[in-house]
Amino acid sequence: MSAIVAVDRITKRYGGLTAVDGCAFEVPRGSITGLIGPNGAGKTTLFNIIAGVTRADQGRILLDGKDVTGKKPHELFGQGLVRTFQIPKEWARMTVLENLMVVPRHQTGERVLAAWFRPGRVRREEQAIYRRAEETLEILGLASSRLALAGTLSGGQKKLLELGRTMMVDAKVVLLDEPGAGVNRTLLAELARNVERLHDERGTSFCIIEHDMDLITRLCDPVIVMAEGRVLAEGKMADIKENDLVREAYLGAPAPGAALP
């Protein structure tokens, strides 16, 4: 299986601290890949580098076989890479529906001359985006909140809305940064079902940072473990749980039979 994302010997330093140290792994095309590790392992820094938010000191990022090292987030978005955040970044003063409708790029109505001279095209395009947004909210269970300001949603609903924004475009790969953080079990199960639906119906690839091992176990294969900025282990979750090096990284000492946090 070819890689949709390849991390090639990425290093990032902040003064005397090495946050990511020669890290290398692949996200297989069509997979839901888990990225786990103790706090400070470098996971979010690496996500920021993959998504173009942070520039690496060394190494390359390949997206669908193409070198995209140093590309800006909007350029990567245009190439099919979408990233969500541990703390949702909704447009708080826009409605839930509007938060979805602004996502598709290069909308004809964004250009003044096109809005003047191609009103029919603008109207048809807006109607198509509106329908897709409505369908997305229905799938996510947010239809009843469509006209509410996004800033009034609960934390779990905001995570669903972020996932909805990825559903408004034909993403090749979605980077989910701790989707389970602060989310109740009911909404977390709903989020997991929608990730599975996108994966199964659209073939979307995912890479997920998460501390909830139940969620990782349900969704992810393979699972990659980072510690001290490097890849410590990778494979199926059942094997990861039995890995003494992983136990030591999480618990401070090998502890056969102990559960990972």
C-alpha atoms as a PDB file:
ATOM      1  CA  MET A   1       0.000   0.000   0.000  1.00  0.00           C
ATOM      2  CA  SER A   2       1.498   3.353  -1.017  1.00  0.00           C
ATOM      3  CA  ALA A   3       1.873   6.236   1.429  1.00  0.00           C
ATOM      4  CA  ILE A   4      -0.468   9.236   1.302  1.00  0.00           C
ATOM      5  CA  VAL A   5       1.897  11.049   3.712  1.00  0.00           C
ATOM      6  CA  ALA A   6       5.568  10.256   4.226  1.00  0.00           C
ATOM      7  CA  VAL A   7       7.560  11.851   7.048  1.00  0.00           C
ATOM      8  CA  ASP A   8      11.209  11.673   6.033  1.00  0.00           C
ATOM      9  CA  ARG A   9      13.771  12.248   8.822  1.00  0.00           C
ATOM     10  CA  ILE A  10      12.094  15.386  10.202  1.00  0.00           C
ATOM     11  CA  THR A  11      13.960  17.344  12.886  1.00  0.00           C
ATOM     12  CA  LYS A  12      12.780  20.459  14.726  1.00  0.00           C
ATOM     13  CA  ARG A  13      14.737  22.265  17.455  1.00  0.00           C
ATOM     14  CA  TYR A  14      13.760  25.124  19.719  1.00  0.00           C
ATOM     15  CA  GLY A  15      17.015  26.453  21.108  1.00  0.00           C
ATOM     16  CA  GLY A  16      18.568  23.581  23.046  1.00  0.00           C
ATOM     17  CA  LEU A  17      15.381  21.497  22.946  1.00  0.00           C
ATOM     18  CA  THR A  18      14.927  18.954  20.164  1.00  0.00           C
ATOM     19  CA  ALA A  19      11.153  18.539  19.817  1.00  0.00           C
ATOM     20  CA  VAL A  20      11.306  16.192  16.819  1.00  0.00           C
ATOM     21  CA  ASP A  21      14.469  14.187  16.233  1.00  0.00           C
ATOM     22  CA  GLY A  22      14.942  12.565  12.835  1.00  0.00           C
ATOM     23  CA  CYS A  23      11.380  11.242  12.845  1.00  0.00           C
ATOM     24  CA  ALA A  24      10.337   9.028   9.931  1.00  0.00           C
ATOM     25  CA  PHE A  25       7.141   7.081   9.211  1.00  0.00           C
ATOM     26  CA  GLU A  26       4.401   6.705   6.603  1.00  0.00           C
ATOM     27  CA  VAL A  27       0.624   7.068   6.663  1.00  0.00           C
ATOM     28  CA  PRO A  28      -0.617   4.336   4.302  1.00  0.00           C
ATOM     29  CA  ARG A  29      -3.129   5.451   1.685  1.00  0.00           C
ATOM     30  CA  GLY A  30      -6.668   4.627   2.774  1.00  0.00           C
ATOM     31  CA  SER A  31      -5.685   3.966   6.397  1.00  0.00           C
ATOM     32  CA  ILE A  32      -6.761   5.430   9.711  1.00  0.00           C
ATOM     33  CA  THR A  33      -3.342   5.755  11.321  1.00  0.00           C
ATOM     34  CA  GLY A  34      -2.977   6.455  15.032  1.00  0.00           C
ATOM     35  CA  LEU A  35      -0.150   8.605  16.418  1.00  0.00           C
ATOM     36  CA  ILE A  36       0.272   8.149  20.165  1.00  0.00           C
ATOM     37  CA  GLY A  37       2.888   8.795  22.821  1.00  0.00           C
ATOM     38  CA  PRO A  38       3.384  10.445  26.203  1.00  0.00           C
ATOM     39  CA  ASN A  39       3.076  14.208  26.611  1.00  0.00           C
ATOM     40  CA  GLY A  40       6.110  15.965  25.150  1.00  0.00           C
ATOM     41  CA  ALA A  41       6.766  13.235  22.593  1.00  0.00           C
ATOM     42  CA  GLY A  42       6.630  15.768  19.727  1.00  0.00           C
ATOM     43  CA  LYS A  43       3.333  14.673  18.179  1.00  0.00           C
ATOM     44  CA  THR A  44       1.669  18.076  17.819  1.00  0.00           C
ATOM     45  CA  THR A  45       4.909  19.717  16.661  1.00  0.00           C
ATOM     46  CA  LEU A  46       5.143  17.061  13.961  1.00  0.00           C
ATOM     47  CA  PHE A  47       1.494  17.650  12.970  1.00  0.00           C
ATOM     48  CA  ASN A  48       2.239  21.362  12.672  1.00  0.00           C
ATOM     49  CA  ILE A  49       5.169  20.595  10.380  1.00  0.00           C
ATOM     50  CA  ILE A  50       3.126  18.225   8.191  1.00  0.00           C
ATOM     51  CA  ALA A  51       0.336  20.832   7.944  1.00  0.00           C
ATOM     52  CA  GLY A  52       2.707  23.666   7.031  1.00  0.00           C
ATOM     53  CA  VAL A  53       2.182  25.646  10.241  1.00  0.00           C
ATOM     54  CA  THR A  54       5.774  25.098  11.412  1.00  0.00           C
ATOM     55  CA  ARG A  55       8.919  24.810   9.311  1.00  0.00           C
ATOM     56  CA  ALA A  56      11.216  21.852   9.989  1.00  0.00           C
ATOM     57  CA  ASP A  57      14.955  22.351  10.466  1.00  0.00           C
ATOM     58  CA  GLN A  58      15.722  19.176   8.521  1.00  0.00           C
ATOM     59  CA  GLY A  59      13.900  16.513   6.541  1.00  0.00           C
ATOM     60  CA  ARG A  60      11.032  16.320   4.052  1.00  0.00           C
ATOM     61  CA  ILE A  61       7.290  15.864   3.968  1.00  0.00           C
ATOM     62  CA  LEU A  62       5.810  14.017   0.993  1.00  0.00           C
ATOM     63  CA  LEU A  63       2.102  14.253   0.183  1.00  0.00           C
ATOM     64  CA  ASP A  64       0.825  11.714  -2.315  1.00  0.00           C
ATOM     65  CA  GLY A  65       4.416  11.158  -3.461  1.00  0.00           C
ATOM     66  CA  LYS A  66       5.194  14.865  -3.971  1.00  0.00           C
ATOM     67  CA  ASP A  67       7.634  16.881  -1.884  1.00  0.00           C
ATOM     68  CA  VAL A  68       5.564  19.554  -0.092  1.00  0.00           C
ATOM     69  CA  THR A  69       8.182  20.595   2.448  1.00  0.00           C
ATOM     70  CA  GLY A  70       7.734  24.267   3.339  1.00  0.00           C
ATOM     71  CA  LYS A  71       4.321  24.617   1.676  1.00  0.00           C
ATOM     72  CA  LYS A  72       1.857  26.929   3.434  1.00  0.00           C
ATOM     73  CA  PRO A  73      -1.310  25.536   5.058  1.00  0.00           C
ATOM     74  CA  HIS A  74      -3.582  26.987   2.354  1.00  0.00           C
ATOM     75  CA  GLU A  75      -1.412  25.429  -0.355  1.00  0.00           C
ATOM     76  CA  LEU A  76      -1.590  22.028   1.329  1.00  0.00           C
ATOM     77  CA  PHE A  77      -5.348  22.451   1.771  1.00  0.00           C
ATOM     78  CA  GLY A  78      -5.591  22.945  -1.981  1.00  0.00           C
ATOM     79  CA  GLN A  79      -3.685  19.684  -2.466  1.00  0.00           C
ATOM     80  CA  GLY A  80      -6.039  17.714  -0.241  1.00  0.00           C
ATOM     81  CA  LEU A  81      -4.464  17.858   3.230  1.00  0.00           C
ATOM     82  CA  VAL A  82      -6.811  19.084   5.970  1.00  0.00           C
ATOM     83  CA  ARG A  83      -5.933  19.535   9.628  1.00  0.00           C
ATOM     84  CA  THR A  84      -8.126  19.963  12.720  1.00  0.00           C
ATOM     85  CA  PHE A  85      -6.986  21.249  16.104  1.00  0.00           C
ATOM     86  CA  GLN A  86      -7.089  19.996  19.698  1.00  0.00           C
ATOM     87  CA  ILE A  87      -8.831  23.272  20.596  1.00  0.00           C
ATOM     88  CA  PRO A  88     -11.439  23.860  17.850  1.00  0.00           C
ATOM     89  CA  LYS A  89     -10.957  27.001  15.767  1.00  0.00           C
ATOM     90  CA  GLU A  90     -14.508  27.765  14.705  1.00  0.00           C
ATOM     91  CA  TRP A  91     -15.652  31.172  13.428  1.00  0.00           C
ATOM     92  CA  ALA A  92     -17.529  31.932  16.627  1.00  0.00           C
ATOM     93  CA  ARG A  93     -19.687  34.807  15.348  1.00  0.00           C
ATOM     94  CA  MET A  94     -20.842  32.975  12.244  1.00  0.00           C
ATOM     95  CA  THR A  95     -23.626  30.404  12.265  1.00  0.00           C
ATOM     96  CA  VAL A  96     -22.883  26.699  12.226  1.00  0.00           C
ATOM     97  CA  LEU A  97     -24.162  26.555   8.631  1.00  0.00           C
ATOM     98  CA  GLU A  98     -21.984  29.500   7.559  1.00  0.00           C
ATOM     99  CA  ASN A  99     -18.932  27.823   9.126  1.00  0.00           C
ATOM    100  CA  LEU A 100     -19.343  25.033   6.588  1.00  0.00           C
ATOM    101  CA  MET A 101     -20.330  27.145   3.603  1.00  0.00           C
ATOM    102  CA  VAL A 102     -17.139  29.233   3.675  1.00  0.00           C
ATOM    103  CA  VAL A 103     -14.863  26.175   3.489  1.00  0.00           C
ATOM    104  CA  PRO A 104     -14.782  25.342  -0.269  1.00  0.00           C
ATOM    105  CA  ARG A 105     -12.001  27.267  -2.017  1.00  0.00           C
ATOM    106  CA  HIS A 106     -12.205  29.413  -5.160  1.00  0.00           C
ATOM    107  CA  GLN A 107     -15.916  30.166  -4.908  1.00  0.00           C
ATOM    108  CA  THR A 108     -16.996  32.237  -7.915  1.00  0.00           C
ATOM    109  CA  GLY A 109     -18.896  34.697  -5.723  1.00  0.00           C
ATOM    110  CA  GLU A 110     -15.671  35.691  -3.947  1.00  0.00           C
ATOM    111  CA  ARG A 111     -14.631  37.651  -7.036  1.00  0.00           C
ATOM    112  CA  VAL A 112     -16.390  40.998  -7.476  1.00  0.00           C
ATOM    113  CA  LEU A 113     -16.525  40.958 -11.281  1.00  0.00           C
ATOM    114  CA  ALA A 114     -17.840  37.407 -11.343  1.00  0.00           C
ATOM    115  CA  ALA A 115     -20.561  38.355  -8.858  1.00  0.00           C
ATOM    116  CA  TRP A 116     -21.601  41.208 -11.182  1.00  0.00           C
ATOM    117  CA  PHE A 117     -21.372  39.491 -14.534  1.00  0.00           C
ATOM    118  CA  ARG A 118     -22.071  35.837 -13.646  1.00  0.00           C
ATOM    119  CA  PRO A 119     -24.881  36.008 -11.084  1.00  0.00           C
ATOM    120  CA  GLY A 120     -26.479  32.795 -12.369  1.00  0.00           C
ATOM    121  CA  ARG A 121     -23.274  30.812 -11.924  1.00  0.00           C
ATOM    122  CA  VAL A 122     -22.707  32.303  -8.468  1.00  0.00           C
ATOM    123  CA  ARG A 123     -26.267  31.414  -7.427  1.00  0.00           C
ATOM    124  CA  ARG A 124     -26.009  27.809  -8.674  1.00  0.00           C
ATOM    125  CA  GLU A 125     -22.671  27.325  -6.954  1.00  0.00           C
ATOM    126  CA  GLU A 126     -23.955  28.757  -3.670  1.00  0.00           C
ATOM    127  CA  GLN A 127     -27.017  26.506  -3.831  1.00  0.00           C
ATOM    128  CA  ALA A 128     -24.821  23.430  -4.327  1.00  0.00           C
ATOM    129  CA  ILE A 129     -22.594  24.429  -1.376  1.00  0.00           C
ATOM    130  CA  TYR A 130     -25.683  25.118   0.741  1.00  0.00           C
ATOM    131  CA  ARG A 131     -27.082  21.656  -0.002  1.00  0.00           C
ATOM    132  CA  ARG A 132     -23.780  19.986   0.840  1.00  0.00           C
ATOM    133  CA  ALA A 133     -23.544  21.918   4.103  1.00  0.00           C
ATOM    134  CA  GLU A 134     -27.109  20.964   5.049  1.00  0.00           C
ATOM    135  CA  GLU A 135     -26.430  17.296   4.266  1.00  0.00           C
ATOM    136  CA  THR A 136     -23.223  17.401   6.307  1.00  0.00           C
ATOM    137  CA  LEU A 137     -25.011  18.863   9.337  1.00  0.00           C
ATOM    138  CA  GLU A 138     -27.680  16.191   9.043  1.00  0.00           C
ATOM    139  CA  ILE A 139     -25.037  13.449   9.021  1.00  0.00           C
ATOM    140  CA  LEU A 140     -23.282  14.971  12.037  1.00  0.00           C
ATOM    141  CA  GLY A 141     -26.470  15.416  14.034  1.00  0.00           C
ATOM    142  CA  LEU A 142     -26.041  19.203  14.098  1.00  0.00           C
ATOM    143  CA  ALA A 143     -28.981  20.129  11.865  1.00  0.00           C
ATOM    144  CA  SER A 144     -31.002  21.544  14.762  1.00  0.00           C
ATOM    145  CA  SER A 145     -28.113  23.940  15.532  1.00  0.00           C
ATOM    146  CA  ARG A 146     -27.632  25.093  11.924  1.00  0.00           C
ATOM    147  CA  LEU A 147     -28.563  28.737  12.648  1.00  0.00           C
ATOM    148  CA  ALA A 148     -26.890  28.939  16.060  1.00  0.00           C
ATOM    149  CA  LEU A 149     -23.656  30.898  16.409  1.00  0.00           C
ATOM    150  CA  ALA A 150     -20.785  28.416  16.315  1.00  0.00           C
ATOM    151  CA  GLY A 151     -19.305  29.927  19.462  1.00  0.00           C
ATOM    152  CA  THR A 152     -22.335  28.732  21.461  1.00  0.00           C
ATOM    153  CA  LEU A 153     -21.772  25.034  20.696  1.00  0.00           C
ATOM    154  CA  SER A 154     -20.430  22.644  23.309  1.00  0.00           C
ATOM    155  CA  GLY A 155     -16.846  21.454  23.056  1.00  0.00           C
ATOM    156  CA  GLY A 156     -17.931  18.125  21.594  1.00  0.00           C
ATOM    157  CA  GLN A 157     -20.211  19.785  19.044  1.00  0.00           C
ATOM    158  CA  LYS A 158     -17.328  22.034  17.980  1.00  0.00           C
ATOM    159  CA  LYS A 159     -15.207  18.926  17.351  1.00  0.00           C
ATOM    160  CA  LEU A 160     -18.021  17.566  15.161  1.00  0.00           C
ATOM    161  CA  LEU A 161     -18.185  20.904  13.339  1.00  0.00           C
ATOM    162  CA  GLU A 162     -14.442  20.745  12.660  1.00  0.00           C
ATOM    163  CA  LEU A 163     -14.892  17.281  11.202  1.00  0.00           C
ATOM    164  CA  GLY A 164     -17.783  18.678   9.148  1.00  0.00           C
ATOM    165  CA  ARG A 165     -15.474  21.263   7.612  1.00  0.00           C
ATOM    166  CA  THR A 166     -13.282  18.441   6.317  1.00  0.00           C
ATOM    167  CA  MET A 167     -16.422  16.903   4.769  1.00  0.00           C
ATOM    168  CA  MET A 168     -17.045  20.063   2.706  1.00  0.00           C
ATOM    169  CA  VAL A 169     -14.019  19.321   0.520  1.00  0.00           C
ATOM    170  CA  ASP A 170     -12.677  16.166  -1.096  1.00  0.00           C
ATOM    171  CA  ALA A 171      -9.761  15.732   1.295  1.00  0.00           C
ATOM    172  CA  LYS A 172      -7.114  13.120   0.566  1.00  0.00           C
ATOM    173  CA  VAL A 173      -5.929  12.998   4.164  1.00  0.00           C
ATOM    174  CA  VAL A 174      -7.210  14.511   7.404  1.00  0.00           C
ATOM    175  CA  LEU A 175      -4.976  15.183  10.407  1.00  0.00           C
ATOM    176  CA  LEU A 176      -7.078  14.981  13.593  1.00  0.00           C
ATOM    177  CA  ASP A 177      -5.391  16.464  16.670  1.00  0.00           C
ATOM    178  CA  GLU A 178      -6.893  14.892  19.820  1.00  0.00           C
ATOM    179  CA  PRO A 179     -10.506  14.742  18.640  1.00  0.00           C
ATOM    180  CA  GLY A 180     -11.497  13.069  21.920  1.00  0.00           C
ATOM    181  CA  ALA A 181     -10.137  15.791  24.226  1.00  0.00           C
ATOM    182  CA  GLY A 182     -12.950  17.238  26.342  1.00  0.00           C
ATOM    183  CA  VAL A 183     -15.655  15.320  24.472  1.00  0.00           C
ATOM    184  CA  ASN A 184     -18.297  13.262  26.294  1.00  0.00           C
ATOM    185  CA  ARG A 185     -18.610   9.581  25.425  1.00  0.00           C
ATOM    186  CA  THR A 186     -21.825  10.000  23.429  1.00  0.00           C
ATOM    187  CA  LEU A 187     -20.417  12.690  21.131  1.00  0.00           C
ATOM    188  CA  LEU A 188     -17.103  10.829  20.921  1.00  0.00           C
ATOM    189  CA  ALA A 189     -18.913   7.749  19.629  1.00  0.00           C
ATOM    190  CA  GLU A 190     -20.699   9.957  17.082  1.00  0.00           C
ATOM    191  CA  LEU A 191     -17.383  11.460  15.969  1.00  0.00           C
ATOM    192  CA  ALA A 192     -15.858   7.984  15.613  1.00  0.00           C
ATOM    193  CA  ARG A 193     -18.797   6.819  13.486  1.00  0.00           C
ATOM    194  CA  ASN A 194     -18.358   9.789  11.167  1.00  0.00           C
ATOM    195  CA  VAL A 195     -14.624   9.164  10.803  1.00  0.00           C
ATOM    196  CA  GLU A 196     -15.429   5.569   9.867  1.00  0.00           C
ATOM    197  CA  ARG A 197     -18.085   6.760   7.428  1.00  0.00           C
ATOM    198  CA  LEU A 198     -15.697   9.167   5.666  1.00  0.00           C
ATOM    199  CA  HIS A 199     -13.069   6.437   5.519  1.00  0.00           C
ATOM    200  CA  ASP A 200     -15.429   3.774   4.186  1.00  0.00           C
ATOM    201  CA  GLU A 201     -17.540   5.851   1.795  1.00  0.00           C
ATOM    202  CA  ARG A 202     -15.015   8.372   0.467  1.00  0.00           C
ATOM    203  CA  GLY A 203     -11.745   6.540   1.021  1.00  0.00           C
ATOM    204  CA  THR A 204     -10.386   9.410   3.101  1.00  0.00           C
ATOM    205  CA  SER A 205      -7.107   8.690   4.885  1.00  0.00           C
ATOM    206  CA  PHE A 206      -6.673   9.831   8.487  1.00  0.00           C
ATOM    207  CA  CYS A 207      -3.819  10.369  10.906  1.00  0.00           C
ATOM    208  CA  ILE A 208      -5.048  10.812  14.470  1.00  0.00           C
ATOM    209  CA  ILE A 209      -3.250  12.064  17.576  1.00  0.00           C
ATOM    210  CA  GLU A 210      -5.171  10.780  20.574  1.00  0.00           C
ATOM    211  CA  HIS A 211      -4.700   9.806  24.227  1.00  0.00           C
ATOM    212  CA  ASP A 212      -7.957   7.841  24.414  1.00  0.00           C
ATOM    213  CA  MET A 213      -6.710   4.302  23.827  1.00  0.00           C
ATOM    214  CA  ASP A 214     -10.236   2.949  23.376  1.00  0.00           C
ATOM    215  CA  LEU A 215     -10.744   5.322  20.437  1.00  0.00           C
ATOM    216  CA  ILE A 216      -7.353   4.431  18.961  1.00  0.00           C
ATOM    217  CA  THR A 217      -8.096   0.721  19.345  1.00  0.00           C
ATOM    218  CA  ARG A 218     -11.478   1.111  17.635  1.00  0.00           C
ATOM    219  CA  LEU A 219     -10.310   3.215  14.687  1.00  0.00           C
ATOM    220  CA  CYS A 220      -6.623   2.835  13.982  1.00  0.00           C
ATOM    221  CA  ASP A 221      -4.428   0.437  12.059  1.00  0.00           C
ATOM    222  CA  PRO A 222      -1.502   0.979  12.044  1.00  0.00           C
ATOM    223  CA  VAL A 223      -0.578   2.729  15.287  1.00  0.00           C
ATOM    224  CA  ILE A 224       2.681   4.701  15.547  1.00  0.00           C
ATOM    225  CA  VAL A 225       4.227   5.463  18.947  1.00  0.00           C
ATOM    226  CA  MET A 226       6.456   8.500  19.448  1.00  0.00           C
ATOM    227  CA  ALA A 227       8.724   9.205  22.404  1.00  0.00           C
ATOM    228  CA  GLU A 228      11.310  11.974  22.781  1.00  0.00           C
ATOM    229  CA  GLY A 229      10.719  13.125  19.220  1.00  0.00           C
ATOM    230  CA  ARG A 230      11.325   9.762  17.580  1.00  0.00           C
ATOM    231  CA  VAL A 231       9.305   6.767  16.440  1.00  0.00           C
ATOM    232  CA  LEU A 232       9.493   4.155  19.174  1.00  0.00           C
ATOM    233  CA  ALA A 233       7.249   1.468  17.694  1.00  0.00           C
ATOM    234  CA  GLU A 234       4.582   0.899  15.054  1.00  0.00           C
ATOM    235  CA  GLY A 235       2.132  -1.830  14.175  1.00  0.00           C
ATOM    236  CA  LYS A 236      -1.251  -3.146  15.256  1.00  0.00           C
ATOM    237  CA  MET A 237      -2.618  -1.907  18.568  1.00  0.00           C
ATOM    238  CA  ALA A 238      -2.611  -5.412  20.056  1.00  0.00           C
ATOM    239  CA  ASP A 239       1.146  -5.626  19.486  1.00  0.00           C
ATOM    240  CA  ILE A 240       1.759  -2.056  20.666  1.00  0.00           C
ATOM    241  CA  LYS A 241       0.100  -2.833  24.009  1.00  0.00           C
ATOM    242  CA  GLU A 242       2.525  -5.708  24.582  1.00  0.00           C
ATOM    243  CA  ASN A 243       5.652  -3.719  23.658  1.00  0.00           C
ATOM    244  CA  ASP A 244       7.917  -3.249  26.698  1.00  0.00           C
ATOM    245  CA  LEU A 245       9.559  -0.140  25.216  1.00  0.00           C
ATOM    246  CA  VAL A 246       6.145   1.477  24.851  1.00  0.00           C
ATOM    247  CA  ARG A 247       5.238   0.565  28.426  1.00  0.00           C
ATOM    248  CA  GLU A 248       8.473   2.091  29.662  1.00  0.00           C
ATOM    249  CA  ALA A 249       7.853   5.318  27.702  1.00  0.00           C
ATOM    250  CA  TYR A 250       4.357   5.671  29.189  1.00  0.00           C
ATOM    251  CA  LEU A 251       4.854   4.304  32.684  1.00  0.00           C
ATOM    252  CA  GLY A 252       8.529   4.935  33.420  1.00  0.00           C
ATOM    253  CA  ALA A 253       9.413   1.243  33.744  1.00  0.00           C
ATOM    254  CA  PRO A 254       8.403  -1.999  32.066  1.00  0.00           C
ATOM    255  CA  ALA A 255       5.213  -3.295  33.599  1.00  0.00           C
ATOM    256  CA  PRO A 256       3.841  -6.410  31.916  1.00  0.00           C
ATOM    257  CA  GLY A 257       0.073  -6.624  32.228  1.00  0.00           C
ATOM    258  CA  ALA A 258      -0.421  -2.920  32.981  1.00  0.00           C
ATOM    259  CA  ALA A 259      -2.798  -0.964  30.755  1.00  0.00           C
ATOM    260  CA  LEU A 260      -1.561   1.996  28.740  1.00  0.00           C
ATOM    261  CA  PRO A 261      -3.159   5.317  29.731  1.00  0.00           C
END
